[in-house]
Amino acid sequence: MKISCKEASSICDKSQYKEASWWDIFKLRFHLFYCKTCQLYSKKNSELTSLCDKAGLTMLSDEDKKKMKRDLEEKR
């Protein structure tokens, strides 16, 4: 049941967007119980998400992502 810090950060990111399973969240909480580094990462990640929500920031639409990808490929 012990997970690496890399896996914990991945689960932390997923949980911020409600994409983590309950089992992943359980493993993350267990990891956070003893890992101070990941506790800090999780705290900062939550703060960043909260600030983005307050600022009204949203993700790019699929169309905007495709356009950005095309623009980047044209500049290569």
N, C-alpha and C. Protein backbone atom coordinates (compact mmCIF):
# COMPACT_ATOMS: atom_id res chain seq x y z
N MET A 1 0.82 -1.19 0.00
CA MET A 1 0.00 0.00 0.00
C MET A 1 0.87 1.26 0.00
N LYS A 2 2.11 1.13 0.35
CA LYS A 2 3.00 2.29 0.35
C LYS A 2 3.24 2.73 -1.09
N ILE A 3 3.16 4.05 -1.32
CA ILE A 3 3.35 4.59 -2.66
C ILE A 3 4.53 5.55 -2.65
N SER A 4 5.09 5.79 -3.82
CA SER A 4 6.21 6.71 -3.96
C SER A 4 5.71 8.16 -3.95
N CYS A 5 6.62 9.07 -3.74
CA CYS A 5 6.26 10.49 -3.77
C CYS A 5 5.78 10.89 -5.17
N LYS A 6 6.36 10.28 -6.19
CA LYS A 6 5.94 10.58 -7.57
C LYS A 6 4.48 10.18 -7.78
N GLU A 7 4.12 8.98 -7.30
CA GLU A 7 2.74 8.53 -7.43
C GLU A 7 1.81 9.39 -6.57
N ALA A 8 2.28 9.78 -5.40
CA ALA A 8 1.47 10.63 -4.52
C ALA A 8 1.18 11.98 -5.17
N SER A 9 2.18 12.56 -5.83
CA SER A 9 1.94 13.85 -6.48
C SER A 9 0.97 13.71 -7.64
N SER A 10 1.05 12.59 -8.35
CA SER A 10 0.12 12.35 -9.44
C SER A 10 -1.32 12.21 -8.92
N ILE A 11 -1.49 11.46 -7.85
CA ILE A 11 -2.82 11.31 -7.25
C ILE A 11 -3.32 12.64 -6.71
N CYS A 12 -2.42 13.41 -6.13
CA CYS A 12 -2.78 14.73 -5.61
C CYS A 12 -3.33 15.60 -6.73
N ASP A 13 -2.64 15.60 -7.86
CA ASP A 13 -3.09 16.39 -9.01
C ASP A 13 -4.46 15.91 -9.50
N LYS A 14 -4.63 14.60 -9.58
CA LYS A 14 -5.91 14.05 -10.03
C LYS A 14 -7.03 14.41 -9.06
N SER A 15 -6.74 14.36 -7.78
CA SER A 15 -7.79 14.63 -6.79
C SER A 15 -8.24 16.09 -6.83
N GLN A 16 -7.35 16.98 -7.23
CA GLN A 16 -7.72 18.39 -7.35
C GLN A 16 -8.82 18.59 -8.39
N TYR A 17 -8.84 17.71 -9.38
CA TYR A 17 -9.81 17.82 -10.47
C TYR A 17 -10.87 16.73 -10.41
N LYS A 18 -10.98 16.11 -9.23
CA LYS A 18 -12.01 15.08 -8.98
C LYS A 18 -11.86 13.89 -9.92
N GLU A 19 -10.63 13.53 -10.27
CA GLU A 19 -10.37 12.42 -11.17
C GLU A 19 -9.76 11.21 -10.46
N ALA A 20 -9.53 11.31 -9.16
CA ALA A 20 -8.91 10.22 -8.41
C ALA A 20 -9.98 9.31 -7.81
N SER A 21 -9.69 8.02 -7.80
CA SER A 21 -10.62 7.06 -7.20
C SER A 21 -10.53 7.15 -5.68
N TRP A 22 -11.50 6.56 -5.01
CA TRP A 22 -11.47 6.60 -3.54
C TRP A 22 -10.27 5.83 -3.01
N TRP A 23 -9.85 4.77 -3.71
CA TRP A 23 -8.69 4.00 -3.28
C TRP A 23 -7.41 4.83 -3.42
N ASP A 24 -7.30 5.56 -4.53
CA ASP A 24 -6.14 6.44 -4.71
C ASP A 24 -6.09 7.50 -3.61
N ILE A 25 -7.23 8.08 -3.30
CA ILE A 25 -7.28 9.10 -2.24
C ILE A 25 -6.88 8.50 -0.90
N PHE A 26 -7.32 7.27 -0.64
CA PHE A 26 -6.94 6.59 0.59
C PHE A 26 -5.42 6.40 0.67
N LYS A 27 -4.83 5.93 -0.45
CA LYS A 27 -3.38 5.74 -0.49
C LYS A 27 -2.65 7.08 -0.31
N LEU A 28 -3.18 8.13 -0.93
CA LEU A 28 -2.57 9.45 -0.80
C LEU A 28 -2.61 9.93 0.64
N ARG A 29 -3.74 9.80 1.29
CA ARG A 29 -3.86 10.24 2.68
C ARG A 29 -2.91 9.47 3.59
N PHE A 30 -2.76 8.18 3.34
CA PHE A 30 -1.82 7.39 4.12
C PHE A 30 -0.40 7.89 3.90
N HIS A 31 -0.06 8.18 2.65
CA HIS A 31 1.28 8.69 2.32
C HIS A 31 1.50 10.06 2.97
N LEU A 32 0.50 10.92 2.92
CA LEU A 32 0.63 12.25 3.50
C LEU A 32 0.80 12.21 5.01
N PHE A 33 0.34 11.14 5.63
CA PHE A 33 0.46 10.98 7.07
C PHE A 33 1.92 11.00 7.52
N TYR A 34 2.82 10.45 6.69
CA TYR A 34 4.23 10.36 7.10
C TYR A 34 5.19 11.15 6.21
N CYS A 35 4.76 11.72 5.11
CA CYS A 35 5.67 12.42 4.20
C CYS A 35 5.42 13.92 4.24
N LYS A 36 6.29 14.63 4.90
CA LYS A 36 6.15 16.08 5.05
C LYS A 36 6.30 16.82 3.71
N THR A 37 7.14 16.31 2.84
CA THR A 37 7.35 16.96 1.55
C THR A 37 6.06 16.93 0.72
N CYS A 38 5.42 15.79 0.69
CA CYS A 38 4.18 15.67 -0.07
C CYS A 38 3.04 16.41 0.61
N GLN A 39 3.08 16.52 1.92
CA GLN A 39 2.08 17.33 2.63
C GLN A 39 2.15 18.77 2.14
N LEU A 40 3.37 19.29 2.03
CA LEU A 40 3.56 20.67 1.57
C LEU A 40 3.12 20.81 0.11
N TYR A 41 3.47 19.83 -0.72
CA TYR A 41 3.06 19.86 -2.13
C TYR A 41 1.54 19.89 -2.23
N SER A 42 0.88 19.04 -1.47
CA SER A 42 -0.57 18.96 -1.49
C SER A 42 -1.20 20.27 -1.04
N LYS A 43 -0.63 20.86 -0.01
CA LYS A 43 -1.15 22.14 0.49
C LYS A 43 -1.01 23.23 -0.56
N LYS A 44 0.18 23.32 -1.16
CA LYS A 44 0.41 24.35 -2.19
C LYS A 44 -0.46 24.11 -3.42
N ASN A 45 -0.67 22.86 -3.78
CA ASN A 45 -1.52 22.52 -4.92
C ASN A 45 -2.96 22.97 -4.66
N SER A 46 -3.42 22.75 -3.45
CA SER A 46 -4.78 23.18 -3.07
C SER A 46 -4.91 24.69 -3.11
N GLU A 47 -3.88 25.38 -2.62
CA GLU A 47 -3.90 26.84 -2.64
C GLU A 47 -3.94 27.37 -4.07
N LEU A 48 -3.15 26.77 -4.94
CA LEU A 48 -3.13 27.20 -6.34
C LEU A 48 -4.48 26.98 -7.00
N THR A 49 -5.09 25.83 -6.76
CA THR A 49 -6.41 25.55 -7.32
C THR A 49 -7.43 26.54 -6.81
N SER A 50 -7.37 26.85 -5.53
CA SER A 50 -8.29 27.81 -4.94
C SER A 50 -8.12 29.20 -5.56
N LEU A 51 -6.89 29.62 -5.76
CA LEU A 51 -6.62 30.92 -6.38
C LEU A 51 -7.13 30.97 -7.82
N CYS A 52 -6.93 29.88 -8.55
CA CYS A 52 -7.43 29.81 -9.94
C CYS A 52 -8.95 29.89 -9.97
N ASP A 53 -9.60 29.21 -9.03
CA ASP A 53 -11.06 29.26 -8.96
C ASP A 53 -11.54 30.66 -8.65
N LYS A 54 -10.89 31.32 -7.70
CA LYS A 54 -11.29 32.69 -7.32
C LYS A 54 -11.08 33.66 -8.47
N ALA A 55 -10.05 33.44 -9.27
CA ALA A 55 -9.75 34.33 -10.39
C ALA A 55 -10.64 34.02 -11.59
N GLY A 56 -11.38 32.93 -11.51
CA GLY A 56 -12.26 32.57 -12.62
C GLY A 56 -11.52 31.99 -13.81
N LEU A 57 -10.34 31.45 -13.58
CA LEU A 57 -9.57 30.87 -14.68
C LEU A 57 -10.20 29.55 -15.10
N THR A 58 -10.21 29.31 -16.38
CA THR A 58 -10.77 28.07 -16.90
C THR A 58 -9.77 27.45 -17.86
N MET A 59 -10.02 26.22 -18.24
CA MET A 59 -9.17 25.53 -19.20
C MET A 59 -9.50 26.00 -20.60
N LEU A 60 -8.56 25.81 -21.49
CA LEU A 60 -8.80 26.12 -22.89
C LEU A 60 -9.79 25.12 -23.47
N SER A 61 -10.57 25.58 -24.42
CA SER A 61 -11.48 24.66 -25.11
C SER A 61 -10.66 23.75 -26.02
N ASP A 62 -11.24 22.65 -26.44
CA ASP A 62 -10.54 21.73 -27.34
C ASP A 62 -10.15 22.43 -28.64
N GLU A 63 -11.02 23.30 -29.12
CA GLU A 63 -10.72 24.04 -30.35
C GLU A 63 -9.53 24.97 -30.16
N ASP A 64 -9.48 25.67 -29.02
CA ASP A 64 -8.35 26.55 -28.74
C ASP A 64 -7.05 25.77 -28.60
N LYS A 65 -7.12 24.58 -27.99
CA LYS A 65 -5.93 23.74 -27.84
C LYS A 65 -5.40 23.31 -29.21
N LYS A 66 -6.33 22.92 -30.11
CA LYS A 66 -5.93 22.49 -31.44
C LYS A 66 -5.29 23.65 -32.21
N LYS A 67 -5.88 24.83 -32.07
CA LYS A 67 -5.34 26.01 -32.75
C LYS A 67 -3.94 26.33 -32.22
N MET A 68 -3.77 26.26 -30.93
CA MET A 68 -2.47 26.53 -30.33
C MET A 68 -1.44 25.51 -30.81
N LYS A 69 -1.84 24.26 -30.90
CA LYS A 69 -0.94 23.21 -31.37
C LYS A 69 -0.54 23.47 -32.82
N ARG A 70 -1.51 23.84 -33.66
CA ARG A 70 -1.20 24.15 -35.06
C ARG A 70 -0.24 25.33 -35.15
N ASP A 71 -0.49 26.37 -34.36
CA ASP A 71 0.38 27.55 -34.38
C ASP A 71 1.81 27.19 -33.98
N LEU A 72 1.94 26.34 -32.97
CA LEU A 72 3.28 25.93 -32.52
C LEU A 72 3.98 25.10 -33.57
N GLU A 73 3.24 24.22 -34.24
CA GLU A 73 3.84 23.38 -35.27
C GLU A 73 4.26 24.21 -36.47
N GLU A 74 3.51 25.27 -36.79
CA GLU A 74 3.87 26.14 -37.91
C GLU A 74 5.16 26.91 -37.64
N LYS A 75 5.42 27.20 -36.39
CA LYS A 75 6.61 28.00 -36.05
C LYS A 75 7.87 27.16 -35.94
N ARG A 76 7.76 25.85 -36.06
CA ARG A 76 8.94 24.99 -35.99
C ARG A 76 9.74 25.04 -37.22
